[in-house]
Amino acid sequence: MPTTRTRLLVCTAVAVTAFVRLGVAPTYKPIEQRQLTTAAPAGPVSFDGLWRLSSAVVEGIVEKVDAVEPARSRVTVRLVEIYRDDARVSAPGGELQVFMAGALTDRGAYIEAVEDPSAPLLRRNQRAILFLRRAGLARTFDLATGSHDSLYLIDGAAVASHGRSALARRLAEQSHGEFAALLRAMRRAGR
């Protein structure tokens, strides 16, 4: 028995040593920030207008953000709840992709961050409610208004928006529960 235990400890020590570099501090790449200014198109002034403009309304958690162009990213969102269905939206637990302005690109020696400071790019593990319109490809979408007026971040019971419209500020004054109840009522009404 001691031989088996000794072998197990030696194997564990070898595995730990192989995968962990002891005493080495992590290295970080510098970030070069470039400001992207997006002109916010005039969006709807009412919640009904935003709802009608959207082909899908979902709540989800950001799984991954990939730069696809110097100033554009593809955001993969895992669906938590679907408020307005679209033929391309799978069931909760599924994923969809949203194209957004802004990108983080690894340039080798540094990370290039291109984003609008007033409308930052989504980050992994953020939870959000998104008003979406169809993009050209299967299961891909754009923000319905083309701006953060279609994007509401969820932080516990609070709702936040980087949208510039009066509608975005009004909707962000609600709690997550109130906002979700409003969206579920719209879904039940079949609007």
N, C-alpha and C. Protein backbone atom coordinates (compact mmCIF):
# COMPACT_ATOMS: atom_id res chain seq x y z
N MET A 1 0.82 -1.20 0.00
CA MET A 1 0.00 0.00 0.00
C MET A 1 0.86 1.26 0.00
N PRO A 2 1.93 1.36 0.82
CA PRO A 2 2.74 2.56 0.78
C PRO A 2 3.33 2.81 -0.60
N THR A 3 3.62 1.77 -1.37
CA THR A 3 4.19 1.95 -2.69
C THR A 3 3.19 2.63 -3.63
N THR A 4 1.95 2.22 -3.57
CA THR A 4 0.92 2.82 -4.41
C THR A 4 0.71 4.29 -4.04
N ARG A 5 0.68 4.55 -2.75
CA ARG A 5 0.50 5.93 -2.30
C ARG A 5 1.69 6.80 -2.72
N THR A 6 2.89 6.25 -2.60
CA THR A 6 4.09 6.99 -3.00
C THR A 6 4.06 7.28 -4.49
N ARG A 7 3.66 6.29 -5.29
CA ARG A 7 3.56 6.50 -6.73
C ARG A 7 2.55 7.58 -7.06
N LEU A 8 1.43 7.56 -6.37
CA LEU A 8 0.38 8.56 -6.58
C LEU A 8 0.90 9.96 -6.26
N LEU A 9 1.62 10.11 -5.16
CA LEU A 9 2.17 11.41 -4.79
C LEU A 9 3.22 11.89 -5.79
N VAL A 10 4.07 10.98 -6.27
CA VAL A 10 5.09 11.35 -7.25
C VAL A 10 4.43 11.77 -8.56
N CYS A 11 3.43 11.02 -9.00
CA CYS A 11 2.72 11.37 -10.24
C CYS A 11 2.04 12.73 -10.11
N THR A 12 1.44 12.98 -8.95
CA THR A 12 0.78 14.26 -8.72
C THR A 12 1.80 15.40 -8.76
N ALA A 13 2.93 15.21 -8.11
CA ALA A 13 3.98 16.23 -8.09
C ALA A 13 4.51 16.52 -9.48
N VAL A 14 4.69 15.48 -10.28
CA VAL A 14 5.17 15.64 -11.66
C VAL A 14 4.13 16.40 -12.48
N ALA A 15 2.86 16.06 -12.33
CA ALA A 15 1.80 16.72 -13.08
C ALA A 15 1.71 18.20 -12.71
N VAL A 16 1.78 18.50 -11.42
CA VAL A 16 1.72 19.88 -10.97
C VAL A 16 2.92 20.66 -11.50
N THR A 17 4.10 20.08 -11.43
CA THR A 17 5.30 20.75 -11.91
C THR A 17 5.23 20.97 -13.42
N ALA A 18 4.66 20.03 -14.15
CA ALA A 18 4.57 20.15 -15.60
C ALA A 18 3.62 21.27 -16.03
N PHE A 19 2.57 21.51 -15.25
CA PHE A 19 1.56 22.48 -15.66
C PHE A 19 1.64 23.81 -14.94
N VAL A 20 2.46 23.94 -13.92
CA VAL A 20 2.57 25.18 -13.17
C VAL A 20 4.02 25.61 -13.14
N ARG A 21 4.28 26.83 -13.57
CA ARG A 21 5.65 27.36 -13.49
C ARG A 21 5.74 28.15 -12.20
N LEU A 22 6.38 27.54 -11.21
CA LEU A 22 6.47 28.17 -9.90
C LEU A 22 7.39 29.36 -9.92
N GLY A 23 7.02 30.40 -9.20
CA GLY A 23 7.88 31.56 -9.03
C GLY A 23 7.96 32.48 -10.23
N VAL A 24 7.12 32.30 -11.24
CA VAL A 24 7.15 33.16 -12.42
C VAL A 24 5.90 34.03 -12.40
N ALA A 25 6.09 35.31 -12.42
CA ALA A 25 4.96 36.24 -12.42
C ALA A 25 4.29 36.22 -13.79
N PRO A 26 2.96 36.35 -13.82
CA PRO A 26 2.27 36.39 -15.12
C PRO A 26 2.69 37.63 -15.90
N THR A 27 2.69 37.50 -17.20
CA THR A 27 3.04 38.64 -18.04
C THR A 27 1.76 39.20 -18.67
N TYR A 28 1.69 40.49 -18.77
CA TYR A 28 0.53 41.15 -19.34
C TYR A 28 0.99 42.01 -20.51
N LYS A 29 0.16 42.05 -21.52
CA LYS A 29 0.48 42.88 -22.68
C LYS A 29 -0.08 44.28 -22.45
N PRO A 30 0.63 45.28 -22.90
CA PRO A 30 0.08 46.64 -22.79
C PRO A 30 -1.13 46.78 -23.72
N ILE A 31 -2.02 47.69 -23.36
CA ILE A 31 -3.22 47.94 -24.16
C ILE A 31 -3.09 49.31 -24.80
N GLU A 32 -3.22 49.32 -26.10
CA GLU A 32 -3.23 50.59 -26.85
C GLU A 32 -4.68 50.91 -27.15
N GLN A 33 -5.18 51.98 -26.56
CA GLN A 33 -6.58 52.36 -26.69
C GLN A 33 -6.77 53.30 -27.87
N ARG A 34 -7.70 52.96 -28.75
CA ARG A 34 -8.10 53.86 -29.84
C ARG A 34 -9.58 54.15 -29.67
N GLN A 35 -9.93 55.39 -29.77
CA GLN A 35 -11.32 55.77 -29.56
C GLN A 35 -12.12 55.62 -30.84
N LEU A 36 -13.23 54.95 -30.72
CA LEU A 36 -14.16 54.78 -31.82
C LEU A 36 -15.39 55.60 -31.48
N THR A 37 -15.76 56.49 -32.33
CA THR A 37 -16.95 57.29 -32.09
C THR A 37 -18.03 56.82 -33.05
N THR A 38 -19.09 56.32 -32.48
CA THR A 38 -20.19 55.85 -33.31
C THR A 38 -21.30 56.88 -33.29
N ALA A 39 -21.75 57.23 -34.44
CA ALA A 39 -22.88 58.16 -34.55
C ALA A 39 -24.14 57.39 -34.24
N ALA A 40 -24.82 57.78 -33.20
CA ALA A 40 -26.05 57.10 -32.81
C ALA A 40 -27.18 57.52 -33.73
N PRO A 41 -27.69 56.57 -34.53
CA PRO A 41 -28.81 56.91 -35.40
C PRO A 41 -30.05 57.19 -34.54
N ALA A 42 -30.93 57.98 -35.07
CA ALA A 42 -32.17 58.26 -34.34
C ALA A 42 -32.98 56.97 -34.23
N GLY A 43 -33.20 56.55 -33.02
CA GLY A 43 -33.94 55.31 -32.78
C GLY A 43 -35.38 55.60 -32.42
N PRO A 44 -36.10 54.58 -32.08
CA PRO A 44 -37.50 54.77 -31.70
C PRO A 44 -37.61 55.56 -30.39
N VAL A 45 -38.69 56.30 -30.25
CA VAL A 45 -38.88 57.10 -29.04
C VAL A 45 -39.76 56.39 -28.02
N SER A 46 -40.36 55.28 -28.41
CA SER A 46 -41.23 54.54 -27.48
C SER A 46 -40.79 53.09 -27.37
N PHE A 47 -41.19 52.47 -26.28
CA PHE A 47 -40.88 51.07 -26.08
C PHE A 47 -41.54 50.22 -27.17
N ASP A 48 -42.79 50.54 -27.52
CA ASP A 48 -43.47 49.80 -28.59
C ASP A 48 -42.70 49.91 -29.90
N GLY A 49 -42.15 51.09 -30.19
CA GLY A 49 -41.36 51.27 -31.40
C GLY A 49 -40.10 50.42 -31.39
N LEU A 50 -39.42 50.35 -30.25
CA LEU A 50 -38.22 49.50 -30.12
C LEU A 50 -38.60 48.04 -30.28
N TRP A 51 -39.72 47.63 -29.69
CA TRP A 51 -40.18 46.25 -29.80
C TRP A 51 -40.48 45.90 -31.26
N ARG A 52 -41.19 46.77 -31.97
CA ARG A 52 -41.53 46.51 -33.38
C ARG A 52 -40.30 46.49 -34.27
N LEU A 53 -39.30 47.29 -33.96
CA LEU A 53 -38.07 47.36 -34.73
C LEU A 53 -37.25 46.06 -34.60
N SER A 54 -37.46 45.33 -33.51
CA SER A 54 -36.65 44.15 -33.20
C SER A 54 -37.27 42.88 -33.75
N SER A 55 -36.44 42.06 -34.39
CA SER A 55 -36.92 40.75 -34.83
C SER A 55 -36.79 39.72 -33.72
N ALA A 56 -35.95 40.00 -32.72
CA ALA A 56 -35.78 39.12 -31.56
C ALA A 56 -35.40 39.97 -30.36
N VAL A 57 -35.87 39.56 -29.18
CA VAL A 57 -35.50 40.19 -27.92
C VAL A 57 -35.13 39.06 -26.98
N VAL A 58 -33.90 39.09 -26.48
CA VAL A 58 -33.40 37.98 -25.66
C VAL A 58 -32.65 38.50 -24.44
N GLU A 59 -32.55 37.62 -23.46
CA GLU A 59 -31.66 37.87 -22.32
C GLU A 59 -30.63 36.76 -22.35
N GLY A 60 -29.37 37.12 -22.17
CA GLY A 60 -28.32 36.12 -22.24
C GLY A 60 -27.05 36.53 -21.54
N ILE A 61 -26.10 35.61 -21.54
CA ILE A 61 -24.80 35.81 -20.92
C ILE A 61 -23.74 35.73 -22.01
N VAL A 62 -22.85 36.71 -22.02
CA VAL A 62 -21.79 36.76 -23.03
C VAL A 62 -20.80 35.62 -22.78
N GLU A 63 -20.63 34.78 -23.79
CA GLU A 63 -19.71 33.66 -23.72
C GLU A 63 -18.34 34.00 -24.30
N LYS A 64 -18.35 34.75 -25.41
CA LYS A 64 -17.10 34.99 -26.13
C LYS A 64 -17.24 36.25 -26.97
N VAL A 65 -16.13 36.98 -27.11
CA VAL A 65 -16.09 38.17 -27.97
C VAL A 65 -14.89 38.02 -28.89
N ASP A 66 -15.13 37.99 -30.20
CA ASP A 66 -14.07 37.83 -31.20
C ASP A 66 -14.05 39.03 -32.14
N ALA A 67 -12.87 39.60 -32.32
CA ALA A 67 -12.73 40.68 -33.30
C ALA A 67 -12.82 40.08 -34.70
N VAL A 68 -13.67 40.66 -35.55
CA VAL A 68 -13.79 40.17 -36.92
C VAL A 68 -13.27 41.20 -37.92
N GLU A 69 -13.16 42.43 -37.48
CA GLU A 69 -12.59 43.53 -38.26
C GLU A 69 -11.87 44.43 -37.25
N PRO A 70 -11.08 45.38 -37.71
CA PRO A 70 -10.38 46.25 -36.75
C PRO A 70 -11.31 46.98 -35.77
N ALA A 71 -12.54 47.24 -36.16
CA ALA A 71 -13.44 47.97 -35.27
C ALA A 71 -14.81 47.31 -35.17
N ARG A 72 -14.85 45.98 -35.29
CA ARG A 72 -16.13 45.25 -35.22
C ARG A 72 -15.89 43.88 -34.60
N SER A 73 -16.82 43.46 -33.74
CA SER A 73 -16.68 42.18 -33.05
C SER A 73 -17.92 41.32 -33.21
N ARG A 74 -17.72 40.02 -33.08
CA ARG A 74 -18.81 39.04 -33.05
C ARG A 74 -18.90 38.57 -31.60
N VAL A 75 -20.06 38.81 -30.98
CA VAL A 75 -20.29 38.45 -29.58
C VAL A 75 -21.18 37.22 -29.55
N THR A 76 -20.70 36.16 -28.90
CA THR A 76 -21.50 34.94 -28.73
C THR A 76 -22.23 35.03 -27.40
N VAL A 77 -23.55 34.89 -27.45
CA VAL A 77 -24.41 35.03 -26.27
C VAL A 77 -25.13 33.71 -26.02
N ARG A 78 -25.01 33.20 -24.78
CA ARG A 78 -25.78 32.01 -24.38
C ARG A 78 -27.13 32.50 -23.88
N LEU A 79 -28.19 31.97 -24.44
CA LEU A 79 -29.55 32.44 -24.15
C LEU A 79 -30.04 31.97 -22.78
N VAL A 80 -30.61 32.91 -22.03
CA VAL A 80 -31.21 32.61 -20.74
C VAL A 80 -32.73 32.64 -20.88
N GLU A 81 -33.24 33.67 -21.56
CA GLU A 81 -34.69 33.78 -21.79
C GLU A 81 -34.92 34.46 -23.13
N ILE A 82 -35.97 34.02 -23.81
CA ILE A 82 -36.33 34.59 -25.11
C ILE A 82 -37.66 35.30 -24.94
N TYR A 83 -37.66 36.61 -25.16
CA TYR A 83 -38.88 37.40 -25.00
C TYR A 83 -39.61 37.57 -26.32
N ARG A 84 -38.87 37.72 -27.39
CA ARG A 84 -39.46 37.79 -28.73
C ARG A 84 -38.68 36.82 -29.60
N ASP A 85 -39.40 35.89 -30.16
CA ASP A 85 -38.77 34.80 -30.90
C ASP A 85 -38.55 35.18 -32.35
N ASP A 86 -37.54 34.56 -32.90
CA ASP A 86 -37.19 34.69 -34.30
C ASP A 86 -36.86 33.27 -34.74
N ALA A 87 -37.12 32.92 -35.96
CA ALA A 87 -36.88 31.56 -36.43
C ALA A 87 -35.42 31.14 -36.22
N ARG A 88 -34.51 32.10 -36.15
CA ARG A 88 -33.10 31.77 -35.99
C ARG A 88 -32.66 31.65 -34.54
N VAL A 89 -33.54 31.94 -33.60
CA VAL A 89 -33.19 31.89 -32.18
C VAL A 89 -33.51 30.50 -31.66
N SER A 90 -32.51 29.86 -31.04
CA SER A 90 -32.74 28.54 -30.46
C SER A 90 -33.35 28.70 -29.07
N ALA A 91 -33.57 27.60 -28.40
CA ALA A 91 -34.17 27.60 -27.07
C ALA A 91 -33.17 28.13 -26.03
N PRO A 92 -33.67 28.51 -24.83
CA PRO A 92 -32.74 28.88 -23.76
C PRO A 92 -31.66 27.81 -23.59
N GLY A 93 -30.45 28.25 -23.36
CA GLY A 93 -29.30 27.34 -23.29
C GLY A 93 -28.54 27.32 -24.61
N GLY A 94 -29.21 27.70 -25.70
CA GLY A 94 -28.56 27.78 -27.00
C GLY A 94 -27.77 29.07 -27.12
N GLU A 95 -27.22 29.29 -28.29
CA GLU A 95 -26.39 30.48 -28.52
C GLU A 95 -26.82 31.22 -29.77
N LEU A 96 -26.48 32.49 -29.80
CA LEU A 96 -26.60 33.28 -31.02
C LEU A 96 -25.42 34.24 -31.05
N GLN A 97 -25.24 34.86 -32.21
CA GLN A 97 -24.11 35.78 -32.38
C GLN A 97 -24.62 37.16 -32.77
N VAL A 98 -24.02 38.17 -32.13
CA VAL A 98 -24.40 39.55 -32.36
C VAL A 98 -23.16 40.32 -32.81
N PHE A 99 -23.29 41.07 -33.89
CA PHE A 99 -22.19 41.92 -34.36
C PHE A 99 -22.33 43.29 -33.73
N MET A 100 -21.20 43.81 -33.20
CA MET A 100 -21.20 45.10 -32.51
C MET A 100 -19.99 45.92 -32.93
N ALA A 101 -20.11 47.23 -32.81
CA ALA A 101 -18.98 48.13 -33.06
C ALA A 101 -17.97 47.98 -31.93
N GLY A 102 -16.70 48.01 -32.28
CA GLY A 102 -15.62 47.90 -31.30
C GLY A 102 -14.94 46.55 -31.38
N ALA A 103 -13.66 46.52 -30.97
CA ALA A 103 -12.92 45.26 -31.03
C ALA A 103 -11.70 45.31 -30.13
N LEU A 104 -11.33 44.15 -29.60
CA LEU A 104 -10.06 43.95 -28.91
C LEU A 104 -9.26 42.99 -29.77
N THR A 105 -8.09 43.44 -30.25
CA THR A 105 -7.30 42.63 -31.17
C THR A 105 -5.89 42.45 -30.61
N ASP A 106 -5.44 41.20 -30.57
CA ASP A 106 -4.08 40.90 -30.13
C ASP A 106 -3.14 41.20 -31.28
N ARG A 107 -2.26 42.17 -31.10
CA ARG A 107 -1.31 42.59 -32.13
C ARG A 107 0.09 42.05 -31.86
N GLY A 108 0.19 41.01 -31.04
CA GLY A 108 1.49 40.41 -30.73
C GLY A 108 2.11 41.02 -29.50
N ALA A 109 2.70 42.19 -29.63
CA ALA A 109 3.37 42.84 -28.51
C ALA A 109 2.39 43.63 -27.63
N TYR A 110 1.19 43.89 -28.14
CA TYR A 110 0.21 44.66 -27.37
C TYR A 110 -1.20 44.28 -27.81
N ILE A 111 -2.18 44.69 -27.02
CA ILE A 111 -3.59 44.51 -27.35
C ILE A 111 -4.12 45.86 -27.83
N GLU A 112 -4.75 45.86 -28.98
CA GLU A 112 -5.37 47.08 -29.50
C GLU A 112 -6.84 47.07 -29.12
N ALA A 113 -7.27 48.08 -28.38
CA ALA A 113 -8.67 48.22 -27.97
C ALA A 113 -9.29 49.37 -28.75
N VAL A 114 -10.27 49.06 -29.57
CA VAL A 114 -10.98 50.07 -30.34
C VAL A 114 -12.42 50.04 -29.88
N GLU A 115 -12.82 51.05 -29.12
CA GLU A 115 -14.20 51.09 -28.66
C GLU A 115 -14.61 52.51 -28.31
N ASP A 116 -15.90 52.73 -28.36
CA ASP A 116 -16.48 54.02 -28.01
C ASP A 116 -16.53 54.07 -26.48
N PRO A 117 -15.88 55.01 -25.83
CA PRO A 117 -15.88 55.06 -24.37
C PRO A 117 -17.28 55.18 -23.78
N SER A 118 -18.20 55.80 -24.51
CA SER A 118 -19.57 55.93 -23.99
C SER A 118 -20.42 54.71 -24.33
N ALA A 119 -19.89 53.79 -25.13
CA ALA A 119 -20.62 52.57 -25.50
C ALA A 119 -19.63 51.41 -25.59
N PRO A 120 -19.11 50.95 -24.44
CA PRO A 120 -18.06 49.93 -24.46
C PRO A 120 -18.54 48.58 -24.99
N LEU A 121 -17.59 47.83 -25.47
CA LEU A 121 -17.83 46.49 -25.97
C LEU A 121 -18.24 45.58 -24.82
N LEU A 122 -19.11 44.63 -25.09
CA LEU A 122 -19.49 43.66 -24.06
C LEU A 122 -18.28 42.82 -23.67
N ARG A 123 -18.27 42.34 -22.44
CA ARG A 123 -17.19 41.50 -21.92
C ARG A 123 -17.76 40.14 -21.52
N ARG A 124 -16.89 39.16 -21.50
CA ARG A 124 -17.28 37.79 -21.13
C ARG A 124 -17.96 37.80 -19.76
N ASN A 125 -19.00 36.98 -19.63
CA ASN A 125 -19.80 36.77 -18.42
C ASN A 125 -20.75 37.91 -18.08
N GLN A 126 -20.82 38.95 -18.90
CA GLN A 126 -21.83 39.98 -18.65
C GLN A 126 -23.20 39.43 -19.05
N ARG A 127 -24.21 39.83 -18.31
CA ARG A 127 -25.59 39.43 -18.61
C ARG A 127 -26.29 40.65 -19.19
N ALA A 128 -27.07 40.44 -20.24
CA ALA A 128 -27.70 41.57 -20.91
C ALA A 128 -29.03 41.18 -21.54
N ILE A 129 -29.87 42.19 -21.71
CA ILE A 129 -31.09 42.07 -22.51
C ILE A 129 -30.77 42.80 -23.81
N LEU A 130 -31.00 42.11 -24.94
CA LEU A 130 -30.64 42.66 -26.25
C LEU A 130 -31.85 42.70 -27.16
N PHE A 131 -32.06 43.84 -27.79
CA PHE A 131 -33.07 44.00 -28.83
C PHE A 131 -32.32 43.87 -30.15
N LEU A 132 -32.69 42.87 -30.96
CA LEU A 132 -31.89 42.49 -32.12
C LEU A 132 -32.68 42.55 -33.42
N ARG A 133 -31.94 42.73 -34.50
CA ARG A 133 -32.51 42.58 -35.85
C ARG A 133 -31.62 41.61 -36.62
N ARG A 134 -32.19 40.96 -37.56
CA ARG A 134 -31.46 39.95 -38.34
C ARG A 134 -30.30 40.56 -39.12
N ALA A 135 -29.19 39.83 -39.11
CA ALA A 135 -28.07 40.17 -39.99
C ALA A 135 -28.13 39.17 -41.14
N GLY A 136 -27.20 39.22 -42.05
CA GLY A 136 -27.26 38.39 -43.25
C GLY A 136 -27.13 36.90 -43.05
N LEU A 137 -26.40 36.46 -42.05
CA LEU A 137 -26.11 35.04 -41.92
C LEU A 137 -27.03 34.36 -40.92
N ALA A 138 -27.09 33.03 -40.97
CA ALA A 138 -27.91 32.27 -40.04
C ALA A 138 -27.46 32.50 -38.61
N ARG A 139 -28.41 32.71 -37.73
CA ARG A 139 -28.17 32.90 -36.29
C ARG A 139 -27.25 34.07 -35.97
N THR A 140 -27.19 35.05 -36.84
CA THR A 140 -26.42 36.26 -36.55
C THR A 140 -27.35 37.46 -36.54
N PHE A 141 -27.03 38.40 -35.66
CA PHE A 141 -27.88 39.56 -35.46
C PHE A 141 -27.02 40.80 -35.28
N ASP A 142 -27.66 41.96 -35.45
CA ASP A 142 -27.10 43.26 -35.12
C ASP A 142 -28.00 43.83 -34.03
N LEU A 143 -27.51 44.83 -33.30
CA LEU A 143 -28.37 45.53 -32.36
C LEU A 143 -29.47 46.23 -33.16
N ALA A 144 -30.70 46.16 -32.70
CA ALA A 144 -31.85 46.66 -33.47
C ALA A 144 -31.69 48.12 -33.88
N THR A 145 -31.18 48.96 -33.00
CA THR A 145 -31.02 50.37 -33.32
C THR A 145 -29.64 50.67 -33.90
N GLY A 146 -28.77 49.67 -33.90
CA GLY A 146 -27.39 49.88 -34.35
C GLY A 146 -26.54 50.56 -33.28
N SER A 147 -27.09 50.71 -32.08
CA SER A 147 -26.37 51.39 -31.00
C SER A 147 -26.71 50.73 -29.66
N HIS A 148 -26.11 51.27 -28.60
CA HIS A 148 -26.37 50.73 -27.26
C HIS A 148 -27.78 51.06 -26.76
N ASP A 149 -28.57 51.76 -27.54
CA ASP A 149 -29.97 51.98 -27.18
C ASP A 149 -30.75 50.67 -27.22
N SER A 150 -30.15 49.62 -27.78
CA SER A 150 -30.78 48.29 -27.87
C SER A 150 -30.19 47.31 -26.88
N LEU A 151 -29.35 47.77 -25.96
CA LEU A 151 -28.58 46.88 -25.09
C LEU A 151 -28.71 47.33 -23.63
N TYR A 152 -29.14 46.40 -22.77
CA TYR A 152 -29.36 46.70 -21.35
C TYR A 152 -28.61 45.69 -20.51
N LEU A 153 -27.63 46.17 -19.74
CA LEU A 153 -26.83 45.29 -18.90
C LEU A 153 -27.56 44.99 -17.60
N ILE A 154 -27.46 43.74 -17.16
CA ILE A 154 -28.10 43.29 -15.93
C ILE A 154 -27.02 43.07 -14.89
N ASP A 155 -27.15 43.72 -13.74
CA ASP A 155 -26.22 43.54 -12.64
C ASP A 155 -27.05 43.31 -11.39
N GLY A 156 -27.29 42.04 -11.08
CA GLY A 156 -28.16 41.70 -9.97
C GLY A 156 -29.57 42.15 -10.30
N ALA A 157 -30.13 43.02 -9.46
CA ALA A 157 -31.49 43.51 -9.68
C ALA A 157 -31.50 44.79 -10.52
N ALA A 158 -30.34 45.34 -10.80
CA ALA A 158 -30.27 46.62 -11.52
C ALA A 158 -30.14 46.42 -13.02
N VAL A 159 -30.64 47.41 -13.76
CA VAL A 159 -30.51 47.46 -15.22
C VAL A 159 -29.73 48.72 -15.55
N ALA A 160 -28.77 48.61 -16.46
CA ALA A 160 -27.97 49.77 -16.88
C ALA A 160 -27.94 49.82 -18.39
N SER A 161 -27.76 51.03 -18.92
CA SER A 161 -27.66 51.20 -20.36
C SER A 161 -26.63 52.28 -20.66
N HIS A 162 -25.87 52.08 -21.73
CA HIS A 162 -24.96 53.10 -22.24
C HIS A 162 -25.62 53.81 -23.42
N GLY A 163 -26.90 53.54 -23.63
CA GLY A 163 -27.64 54.17 -24.72
C GLY A 163 -27.75 55.67 -24.50
N ARG A 164 -27.85 56.40 -25.59
CA ARG A 164 -27.88 57.86 -25.50
C ARG A 164 -29.30 58.43 -25.56
N SER A 165 -30.28 57.61 -25.92
CA SER A 165 -31.64 58.11 -26.10
C SER A 165 -32.36 58.25 -24.75
N ALA A 166 -33.39 59.08 -24.76
CA ALA A 166 -34.24 59.24 -23.57
C ALA A 166 -34.92 57.92 -23.25
N LEU A 167 -35.30 57.15 -24.28
CA LEU A 167 -35.94 55.84 -24.07
C LEU A 167 -35.00 54.90 -23.33
N ALA A 168 -33.73 54.84 -23.73
CA ALA A 168 -32.77 53.95 -23.06
C ALA A 168 -32.60 54.34 -21.59
N ARG A 169 -32.54 55.62 -21.31
CA ARG A 169 -32.40 56.08 -19.91
C ARG A 169 -33.65 55.72 -19.12
N ARG A 170 -34.84 55.87 -19.73
CA ARG A 170 -36.10 55.54 -19.05
C ARG A 170 -36.19 54.05 -18.75
N LEU A 171 -35.85 53.21 -19.74
CA LEU A 171 -35.93 51.76 -19.53
C LEU A 171 -34.92 51.30 -18.49
N ALA A 172 -33.77 51.95 -18.41
CA ALA A 172 -32.74 51.55 -17.44
C ALA A 172 -33.09 51.96 -16.01
N GLU A 173 -34.13 52.75 -15.84
CA GLU A 173 -34.56 53.13 -14.49
C GLU A 173 -35.33 52.01 -13.80
N GLN A 174 -35.75 51.01 -14.56
CA GLN A 174 -36.50 49.89 -13.99
C GLN A 174 -35.55 48.89 -13.35
N SER A 175 -36.11 48.06 -12.48
CA SER A 175 -35.32 46.94 -11.95
C SER A 175 -35.34 45.83 -13.00
N HIS A 176 -34.46 44.87 -12.86
CA HIS A 176 -34.44 43.73 -13.78
C HIS A 176 -35.78 43.02 -13.76
N GLY A 177 -36.36 42.83 -12.58
CA GLY A 177 -37.66 42.16 -12.48
C GLY A 177 -38.76 42.90 -13.21
N GLU A 178 -38.79 44.23 -13.07
CA GLU A 178 -39.81 45.04 -13.76
C GLU A 178 -39.62 44.98 -15.27
N PHE A 179 -38.37 45.08 -15.72
CA PHE A 179 -38.07 45.04 -17.15
C PHE A 179 -38.46 43.69 -17.73
N ALA A 180 -38.08 42.61 -17.05
CA ALA A 180 -38.41 41.26 -17.52
C ALA A 180 -39.92 41.06 -17.55
N ALA A 181 -40.64 41.57 -16.55
CA ALA A 181 -42.11 41.44 -16.52
C ALA A 181 -42.73 42.17 -17.71
N LEU A 182 -42.23 43.36 -18.04
CA LEU A 182 -42.72 44.11 -19.20
C LEU A 182 -42.49 43.32 -20.49
N LEU A 183 -41.32 42.73 -20.63
CA LEU A 183 -41.00 41.95 -21.84
C LEU A 183 -41.86 40.68 -21.92
N ARG A 184 -42.09 40.02 -20.78
CA ARG A 184 -42.94 38.82 -20.79
C ARG A 184 -44.38 39.19 -21.14
N ALA A 185 -44.86 40.34 -20.68
CA ALA A 185 -46.21 40.78 -21.02
C ALA A 185 -46.33 41.04 -22.52
N MET A 186 -45.29 41.62 -23.12
CA MET A 186 -45.29 41.83 -24.58
C MET A 186 -45.31 40.50 -25.31
N ARG A 187 -44.57 39.52 -24.80
CA ARG A 187 -44.54 38.19 -25.42
C ARG A 187 -45.91 37.54 -25.34
N ARG A 188 -46.55 37.61 -24.16
CA ARG A 188 -47.88 37.00 -23.99
C ARG A 188 -48.92 37.67 -24.89
N ALA A 189 -48.79 38.98 -25.07
CA ALA A 189 -49.74 39.73 -25.91
C ALA A 189 -49.55 39.40 -27.38
N GLY A 190 -48.43 38.71 -27.71
CA GLY A 190 -48.17 38.30 -29.10
C GLY A 190 -47.88 39.48 -30.00
N ARG A 191 -47.34 40.52 -29.47
CA ARG A 191 -47.07 41.72 -30.25
C ARG A 191 -45.80 41.62 -31.03
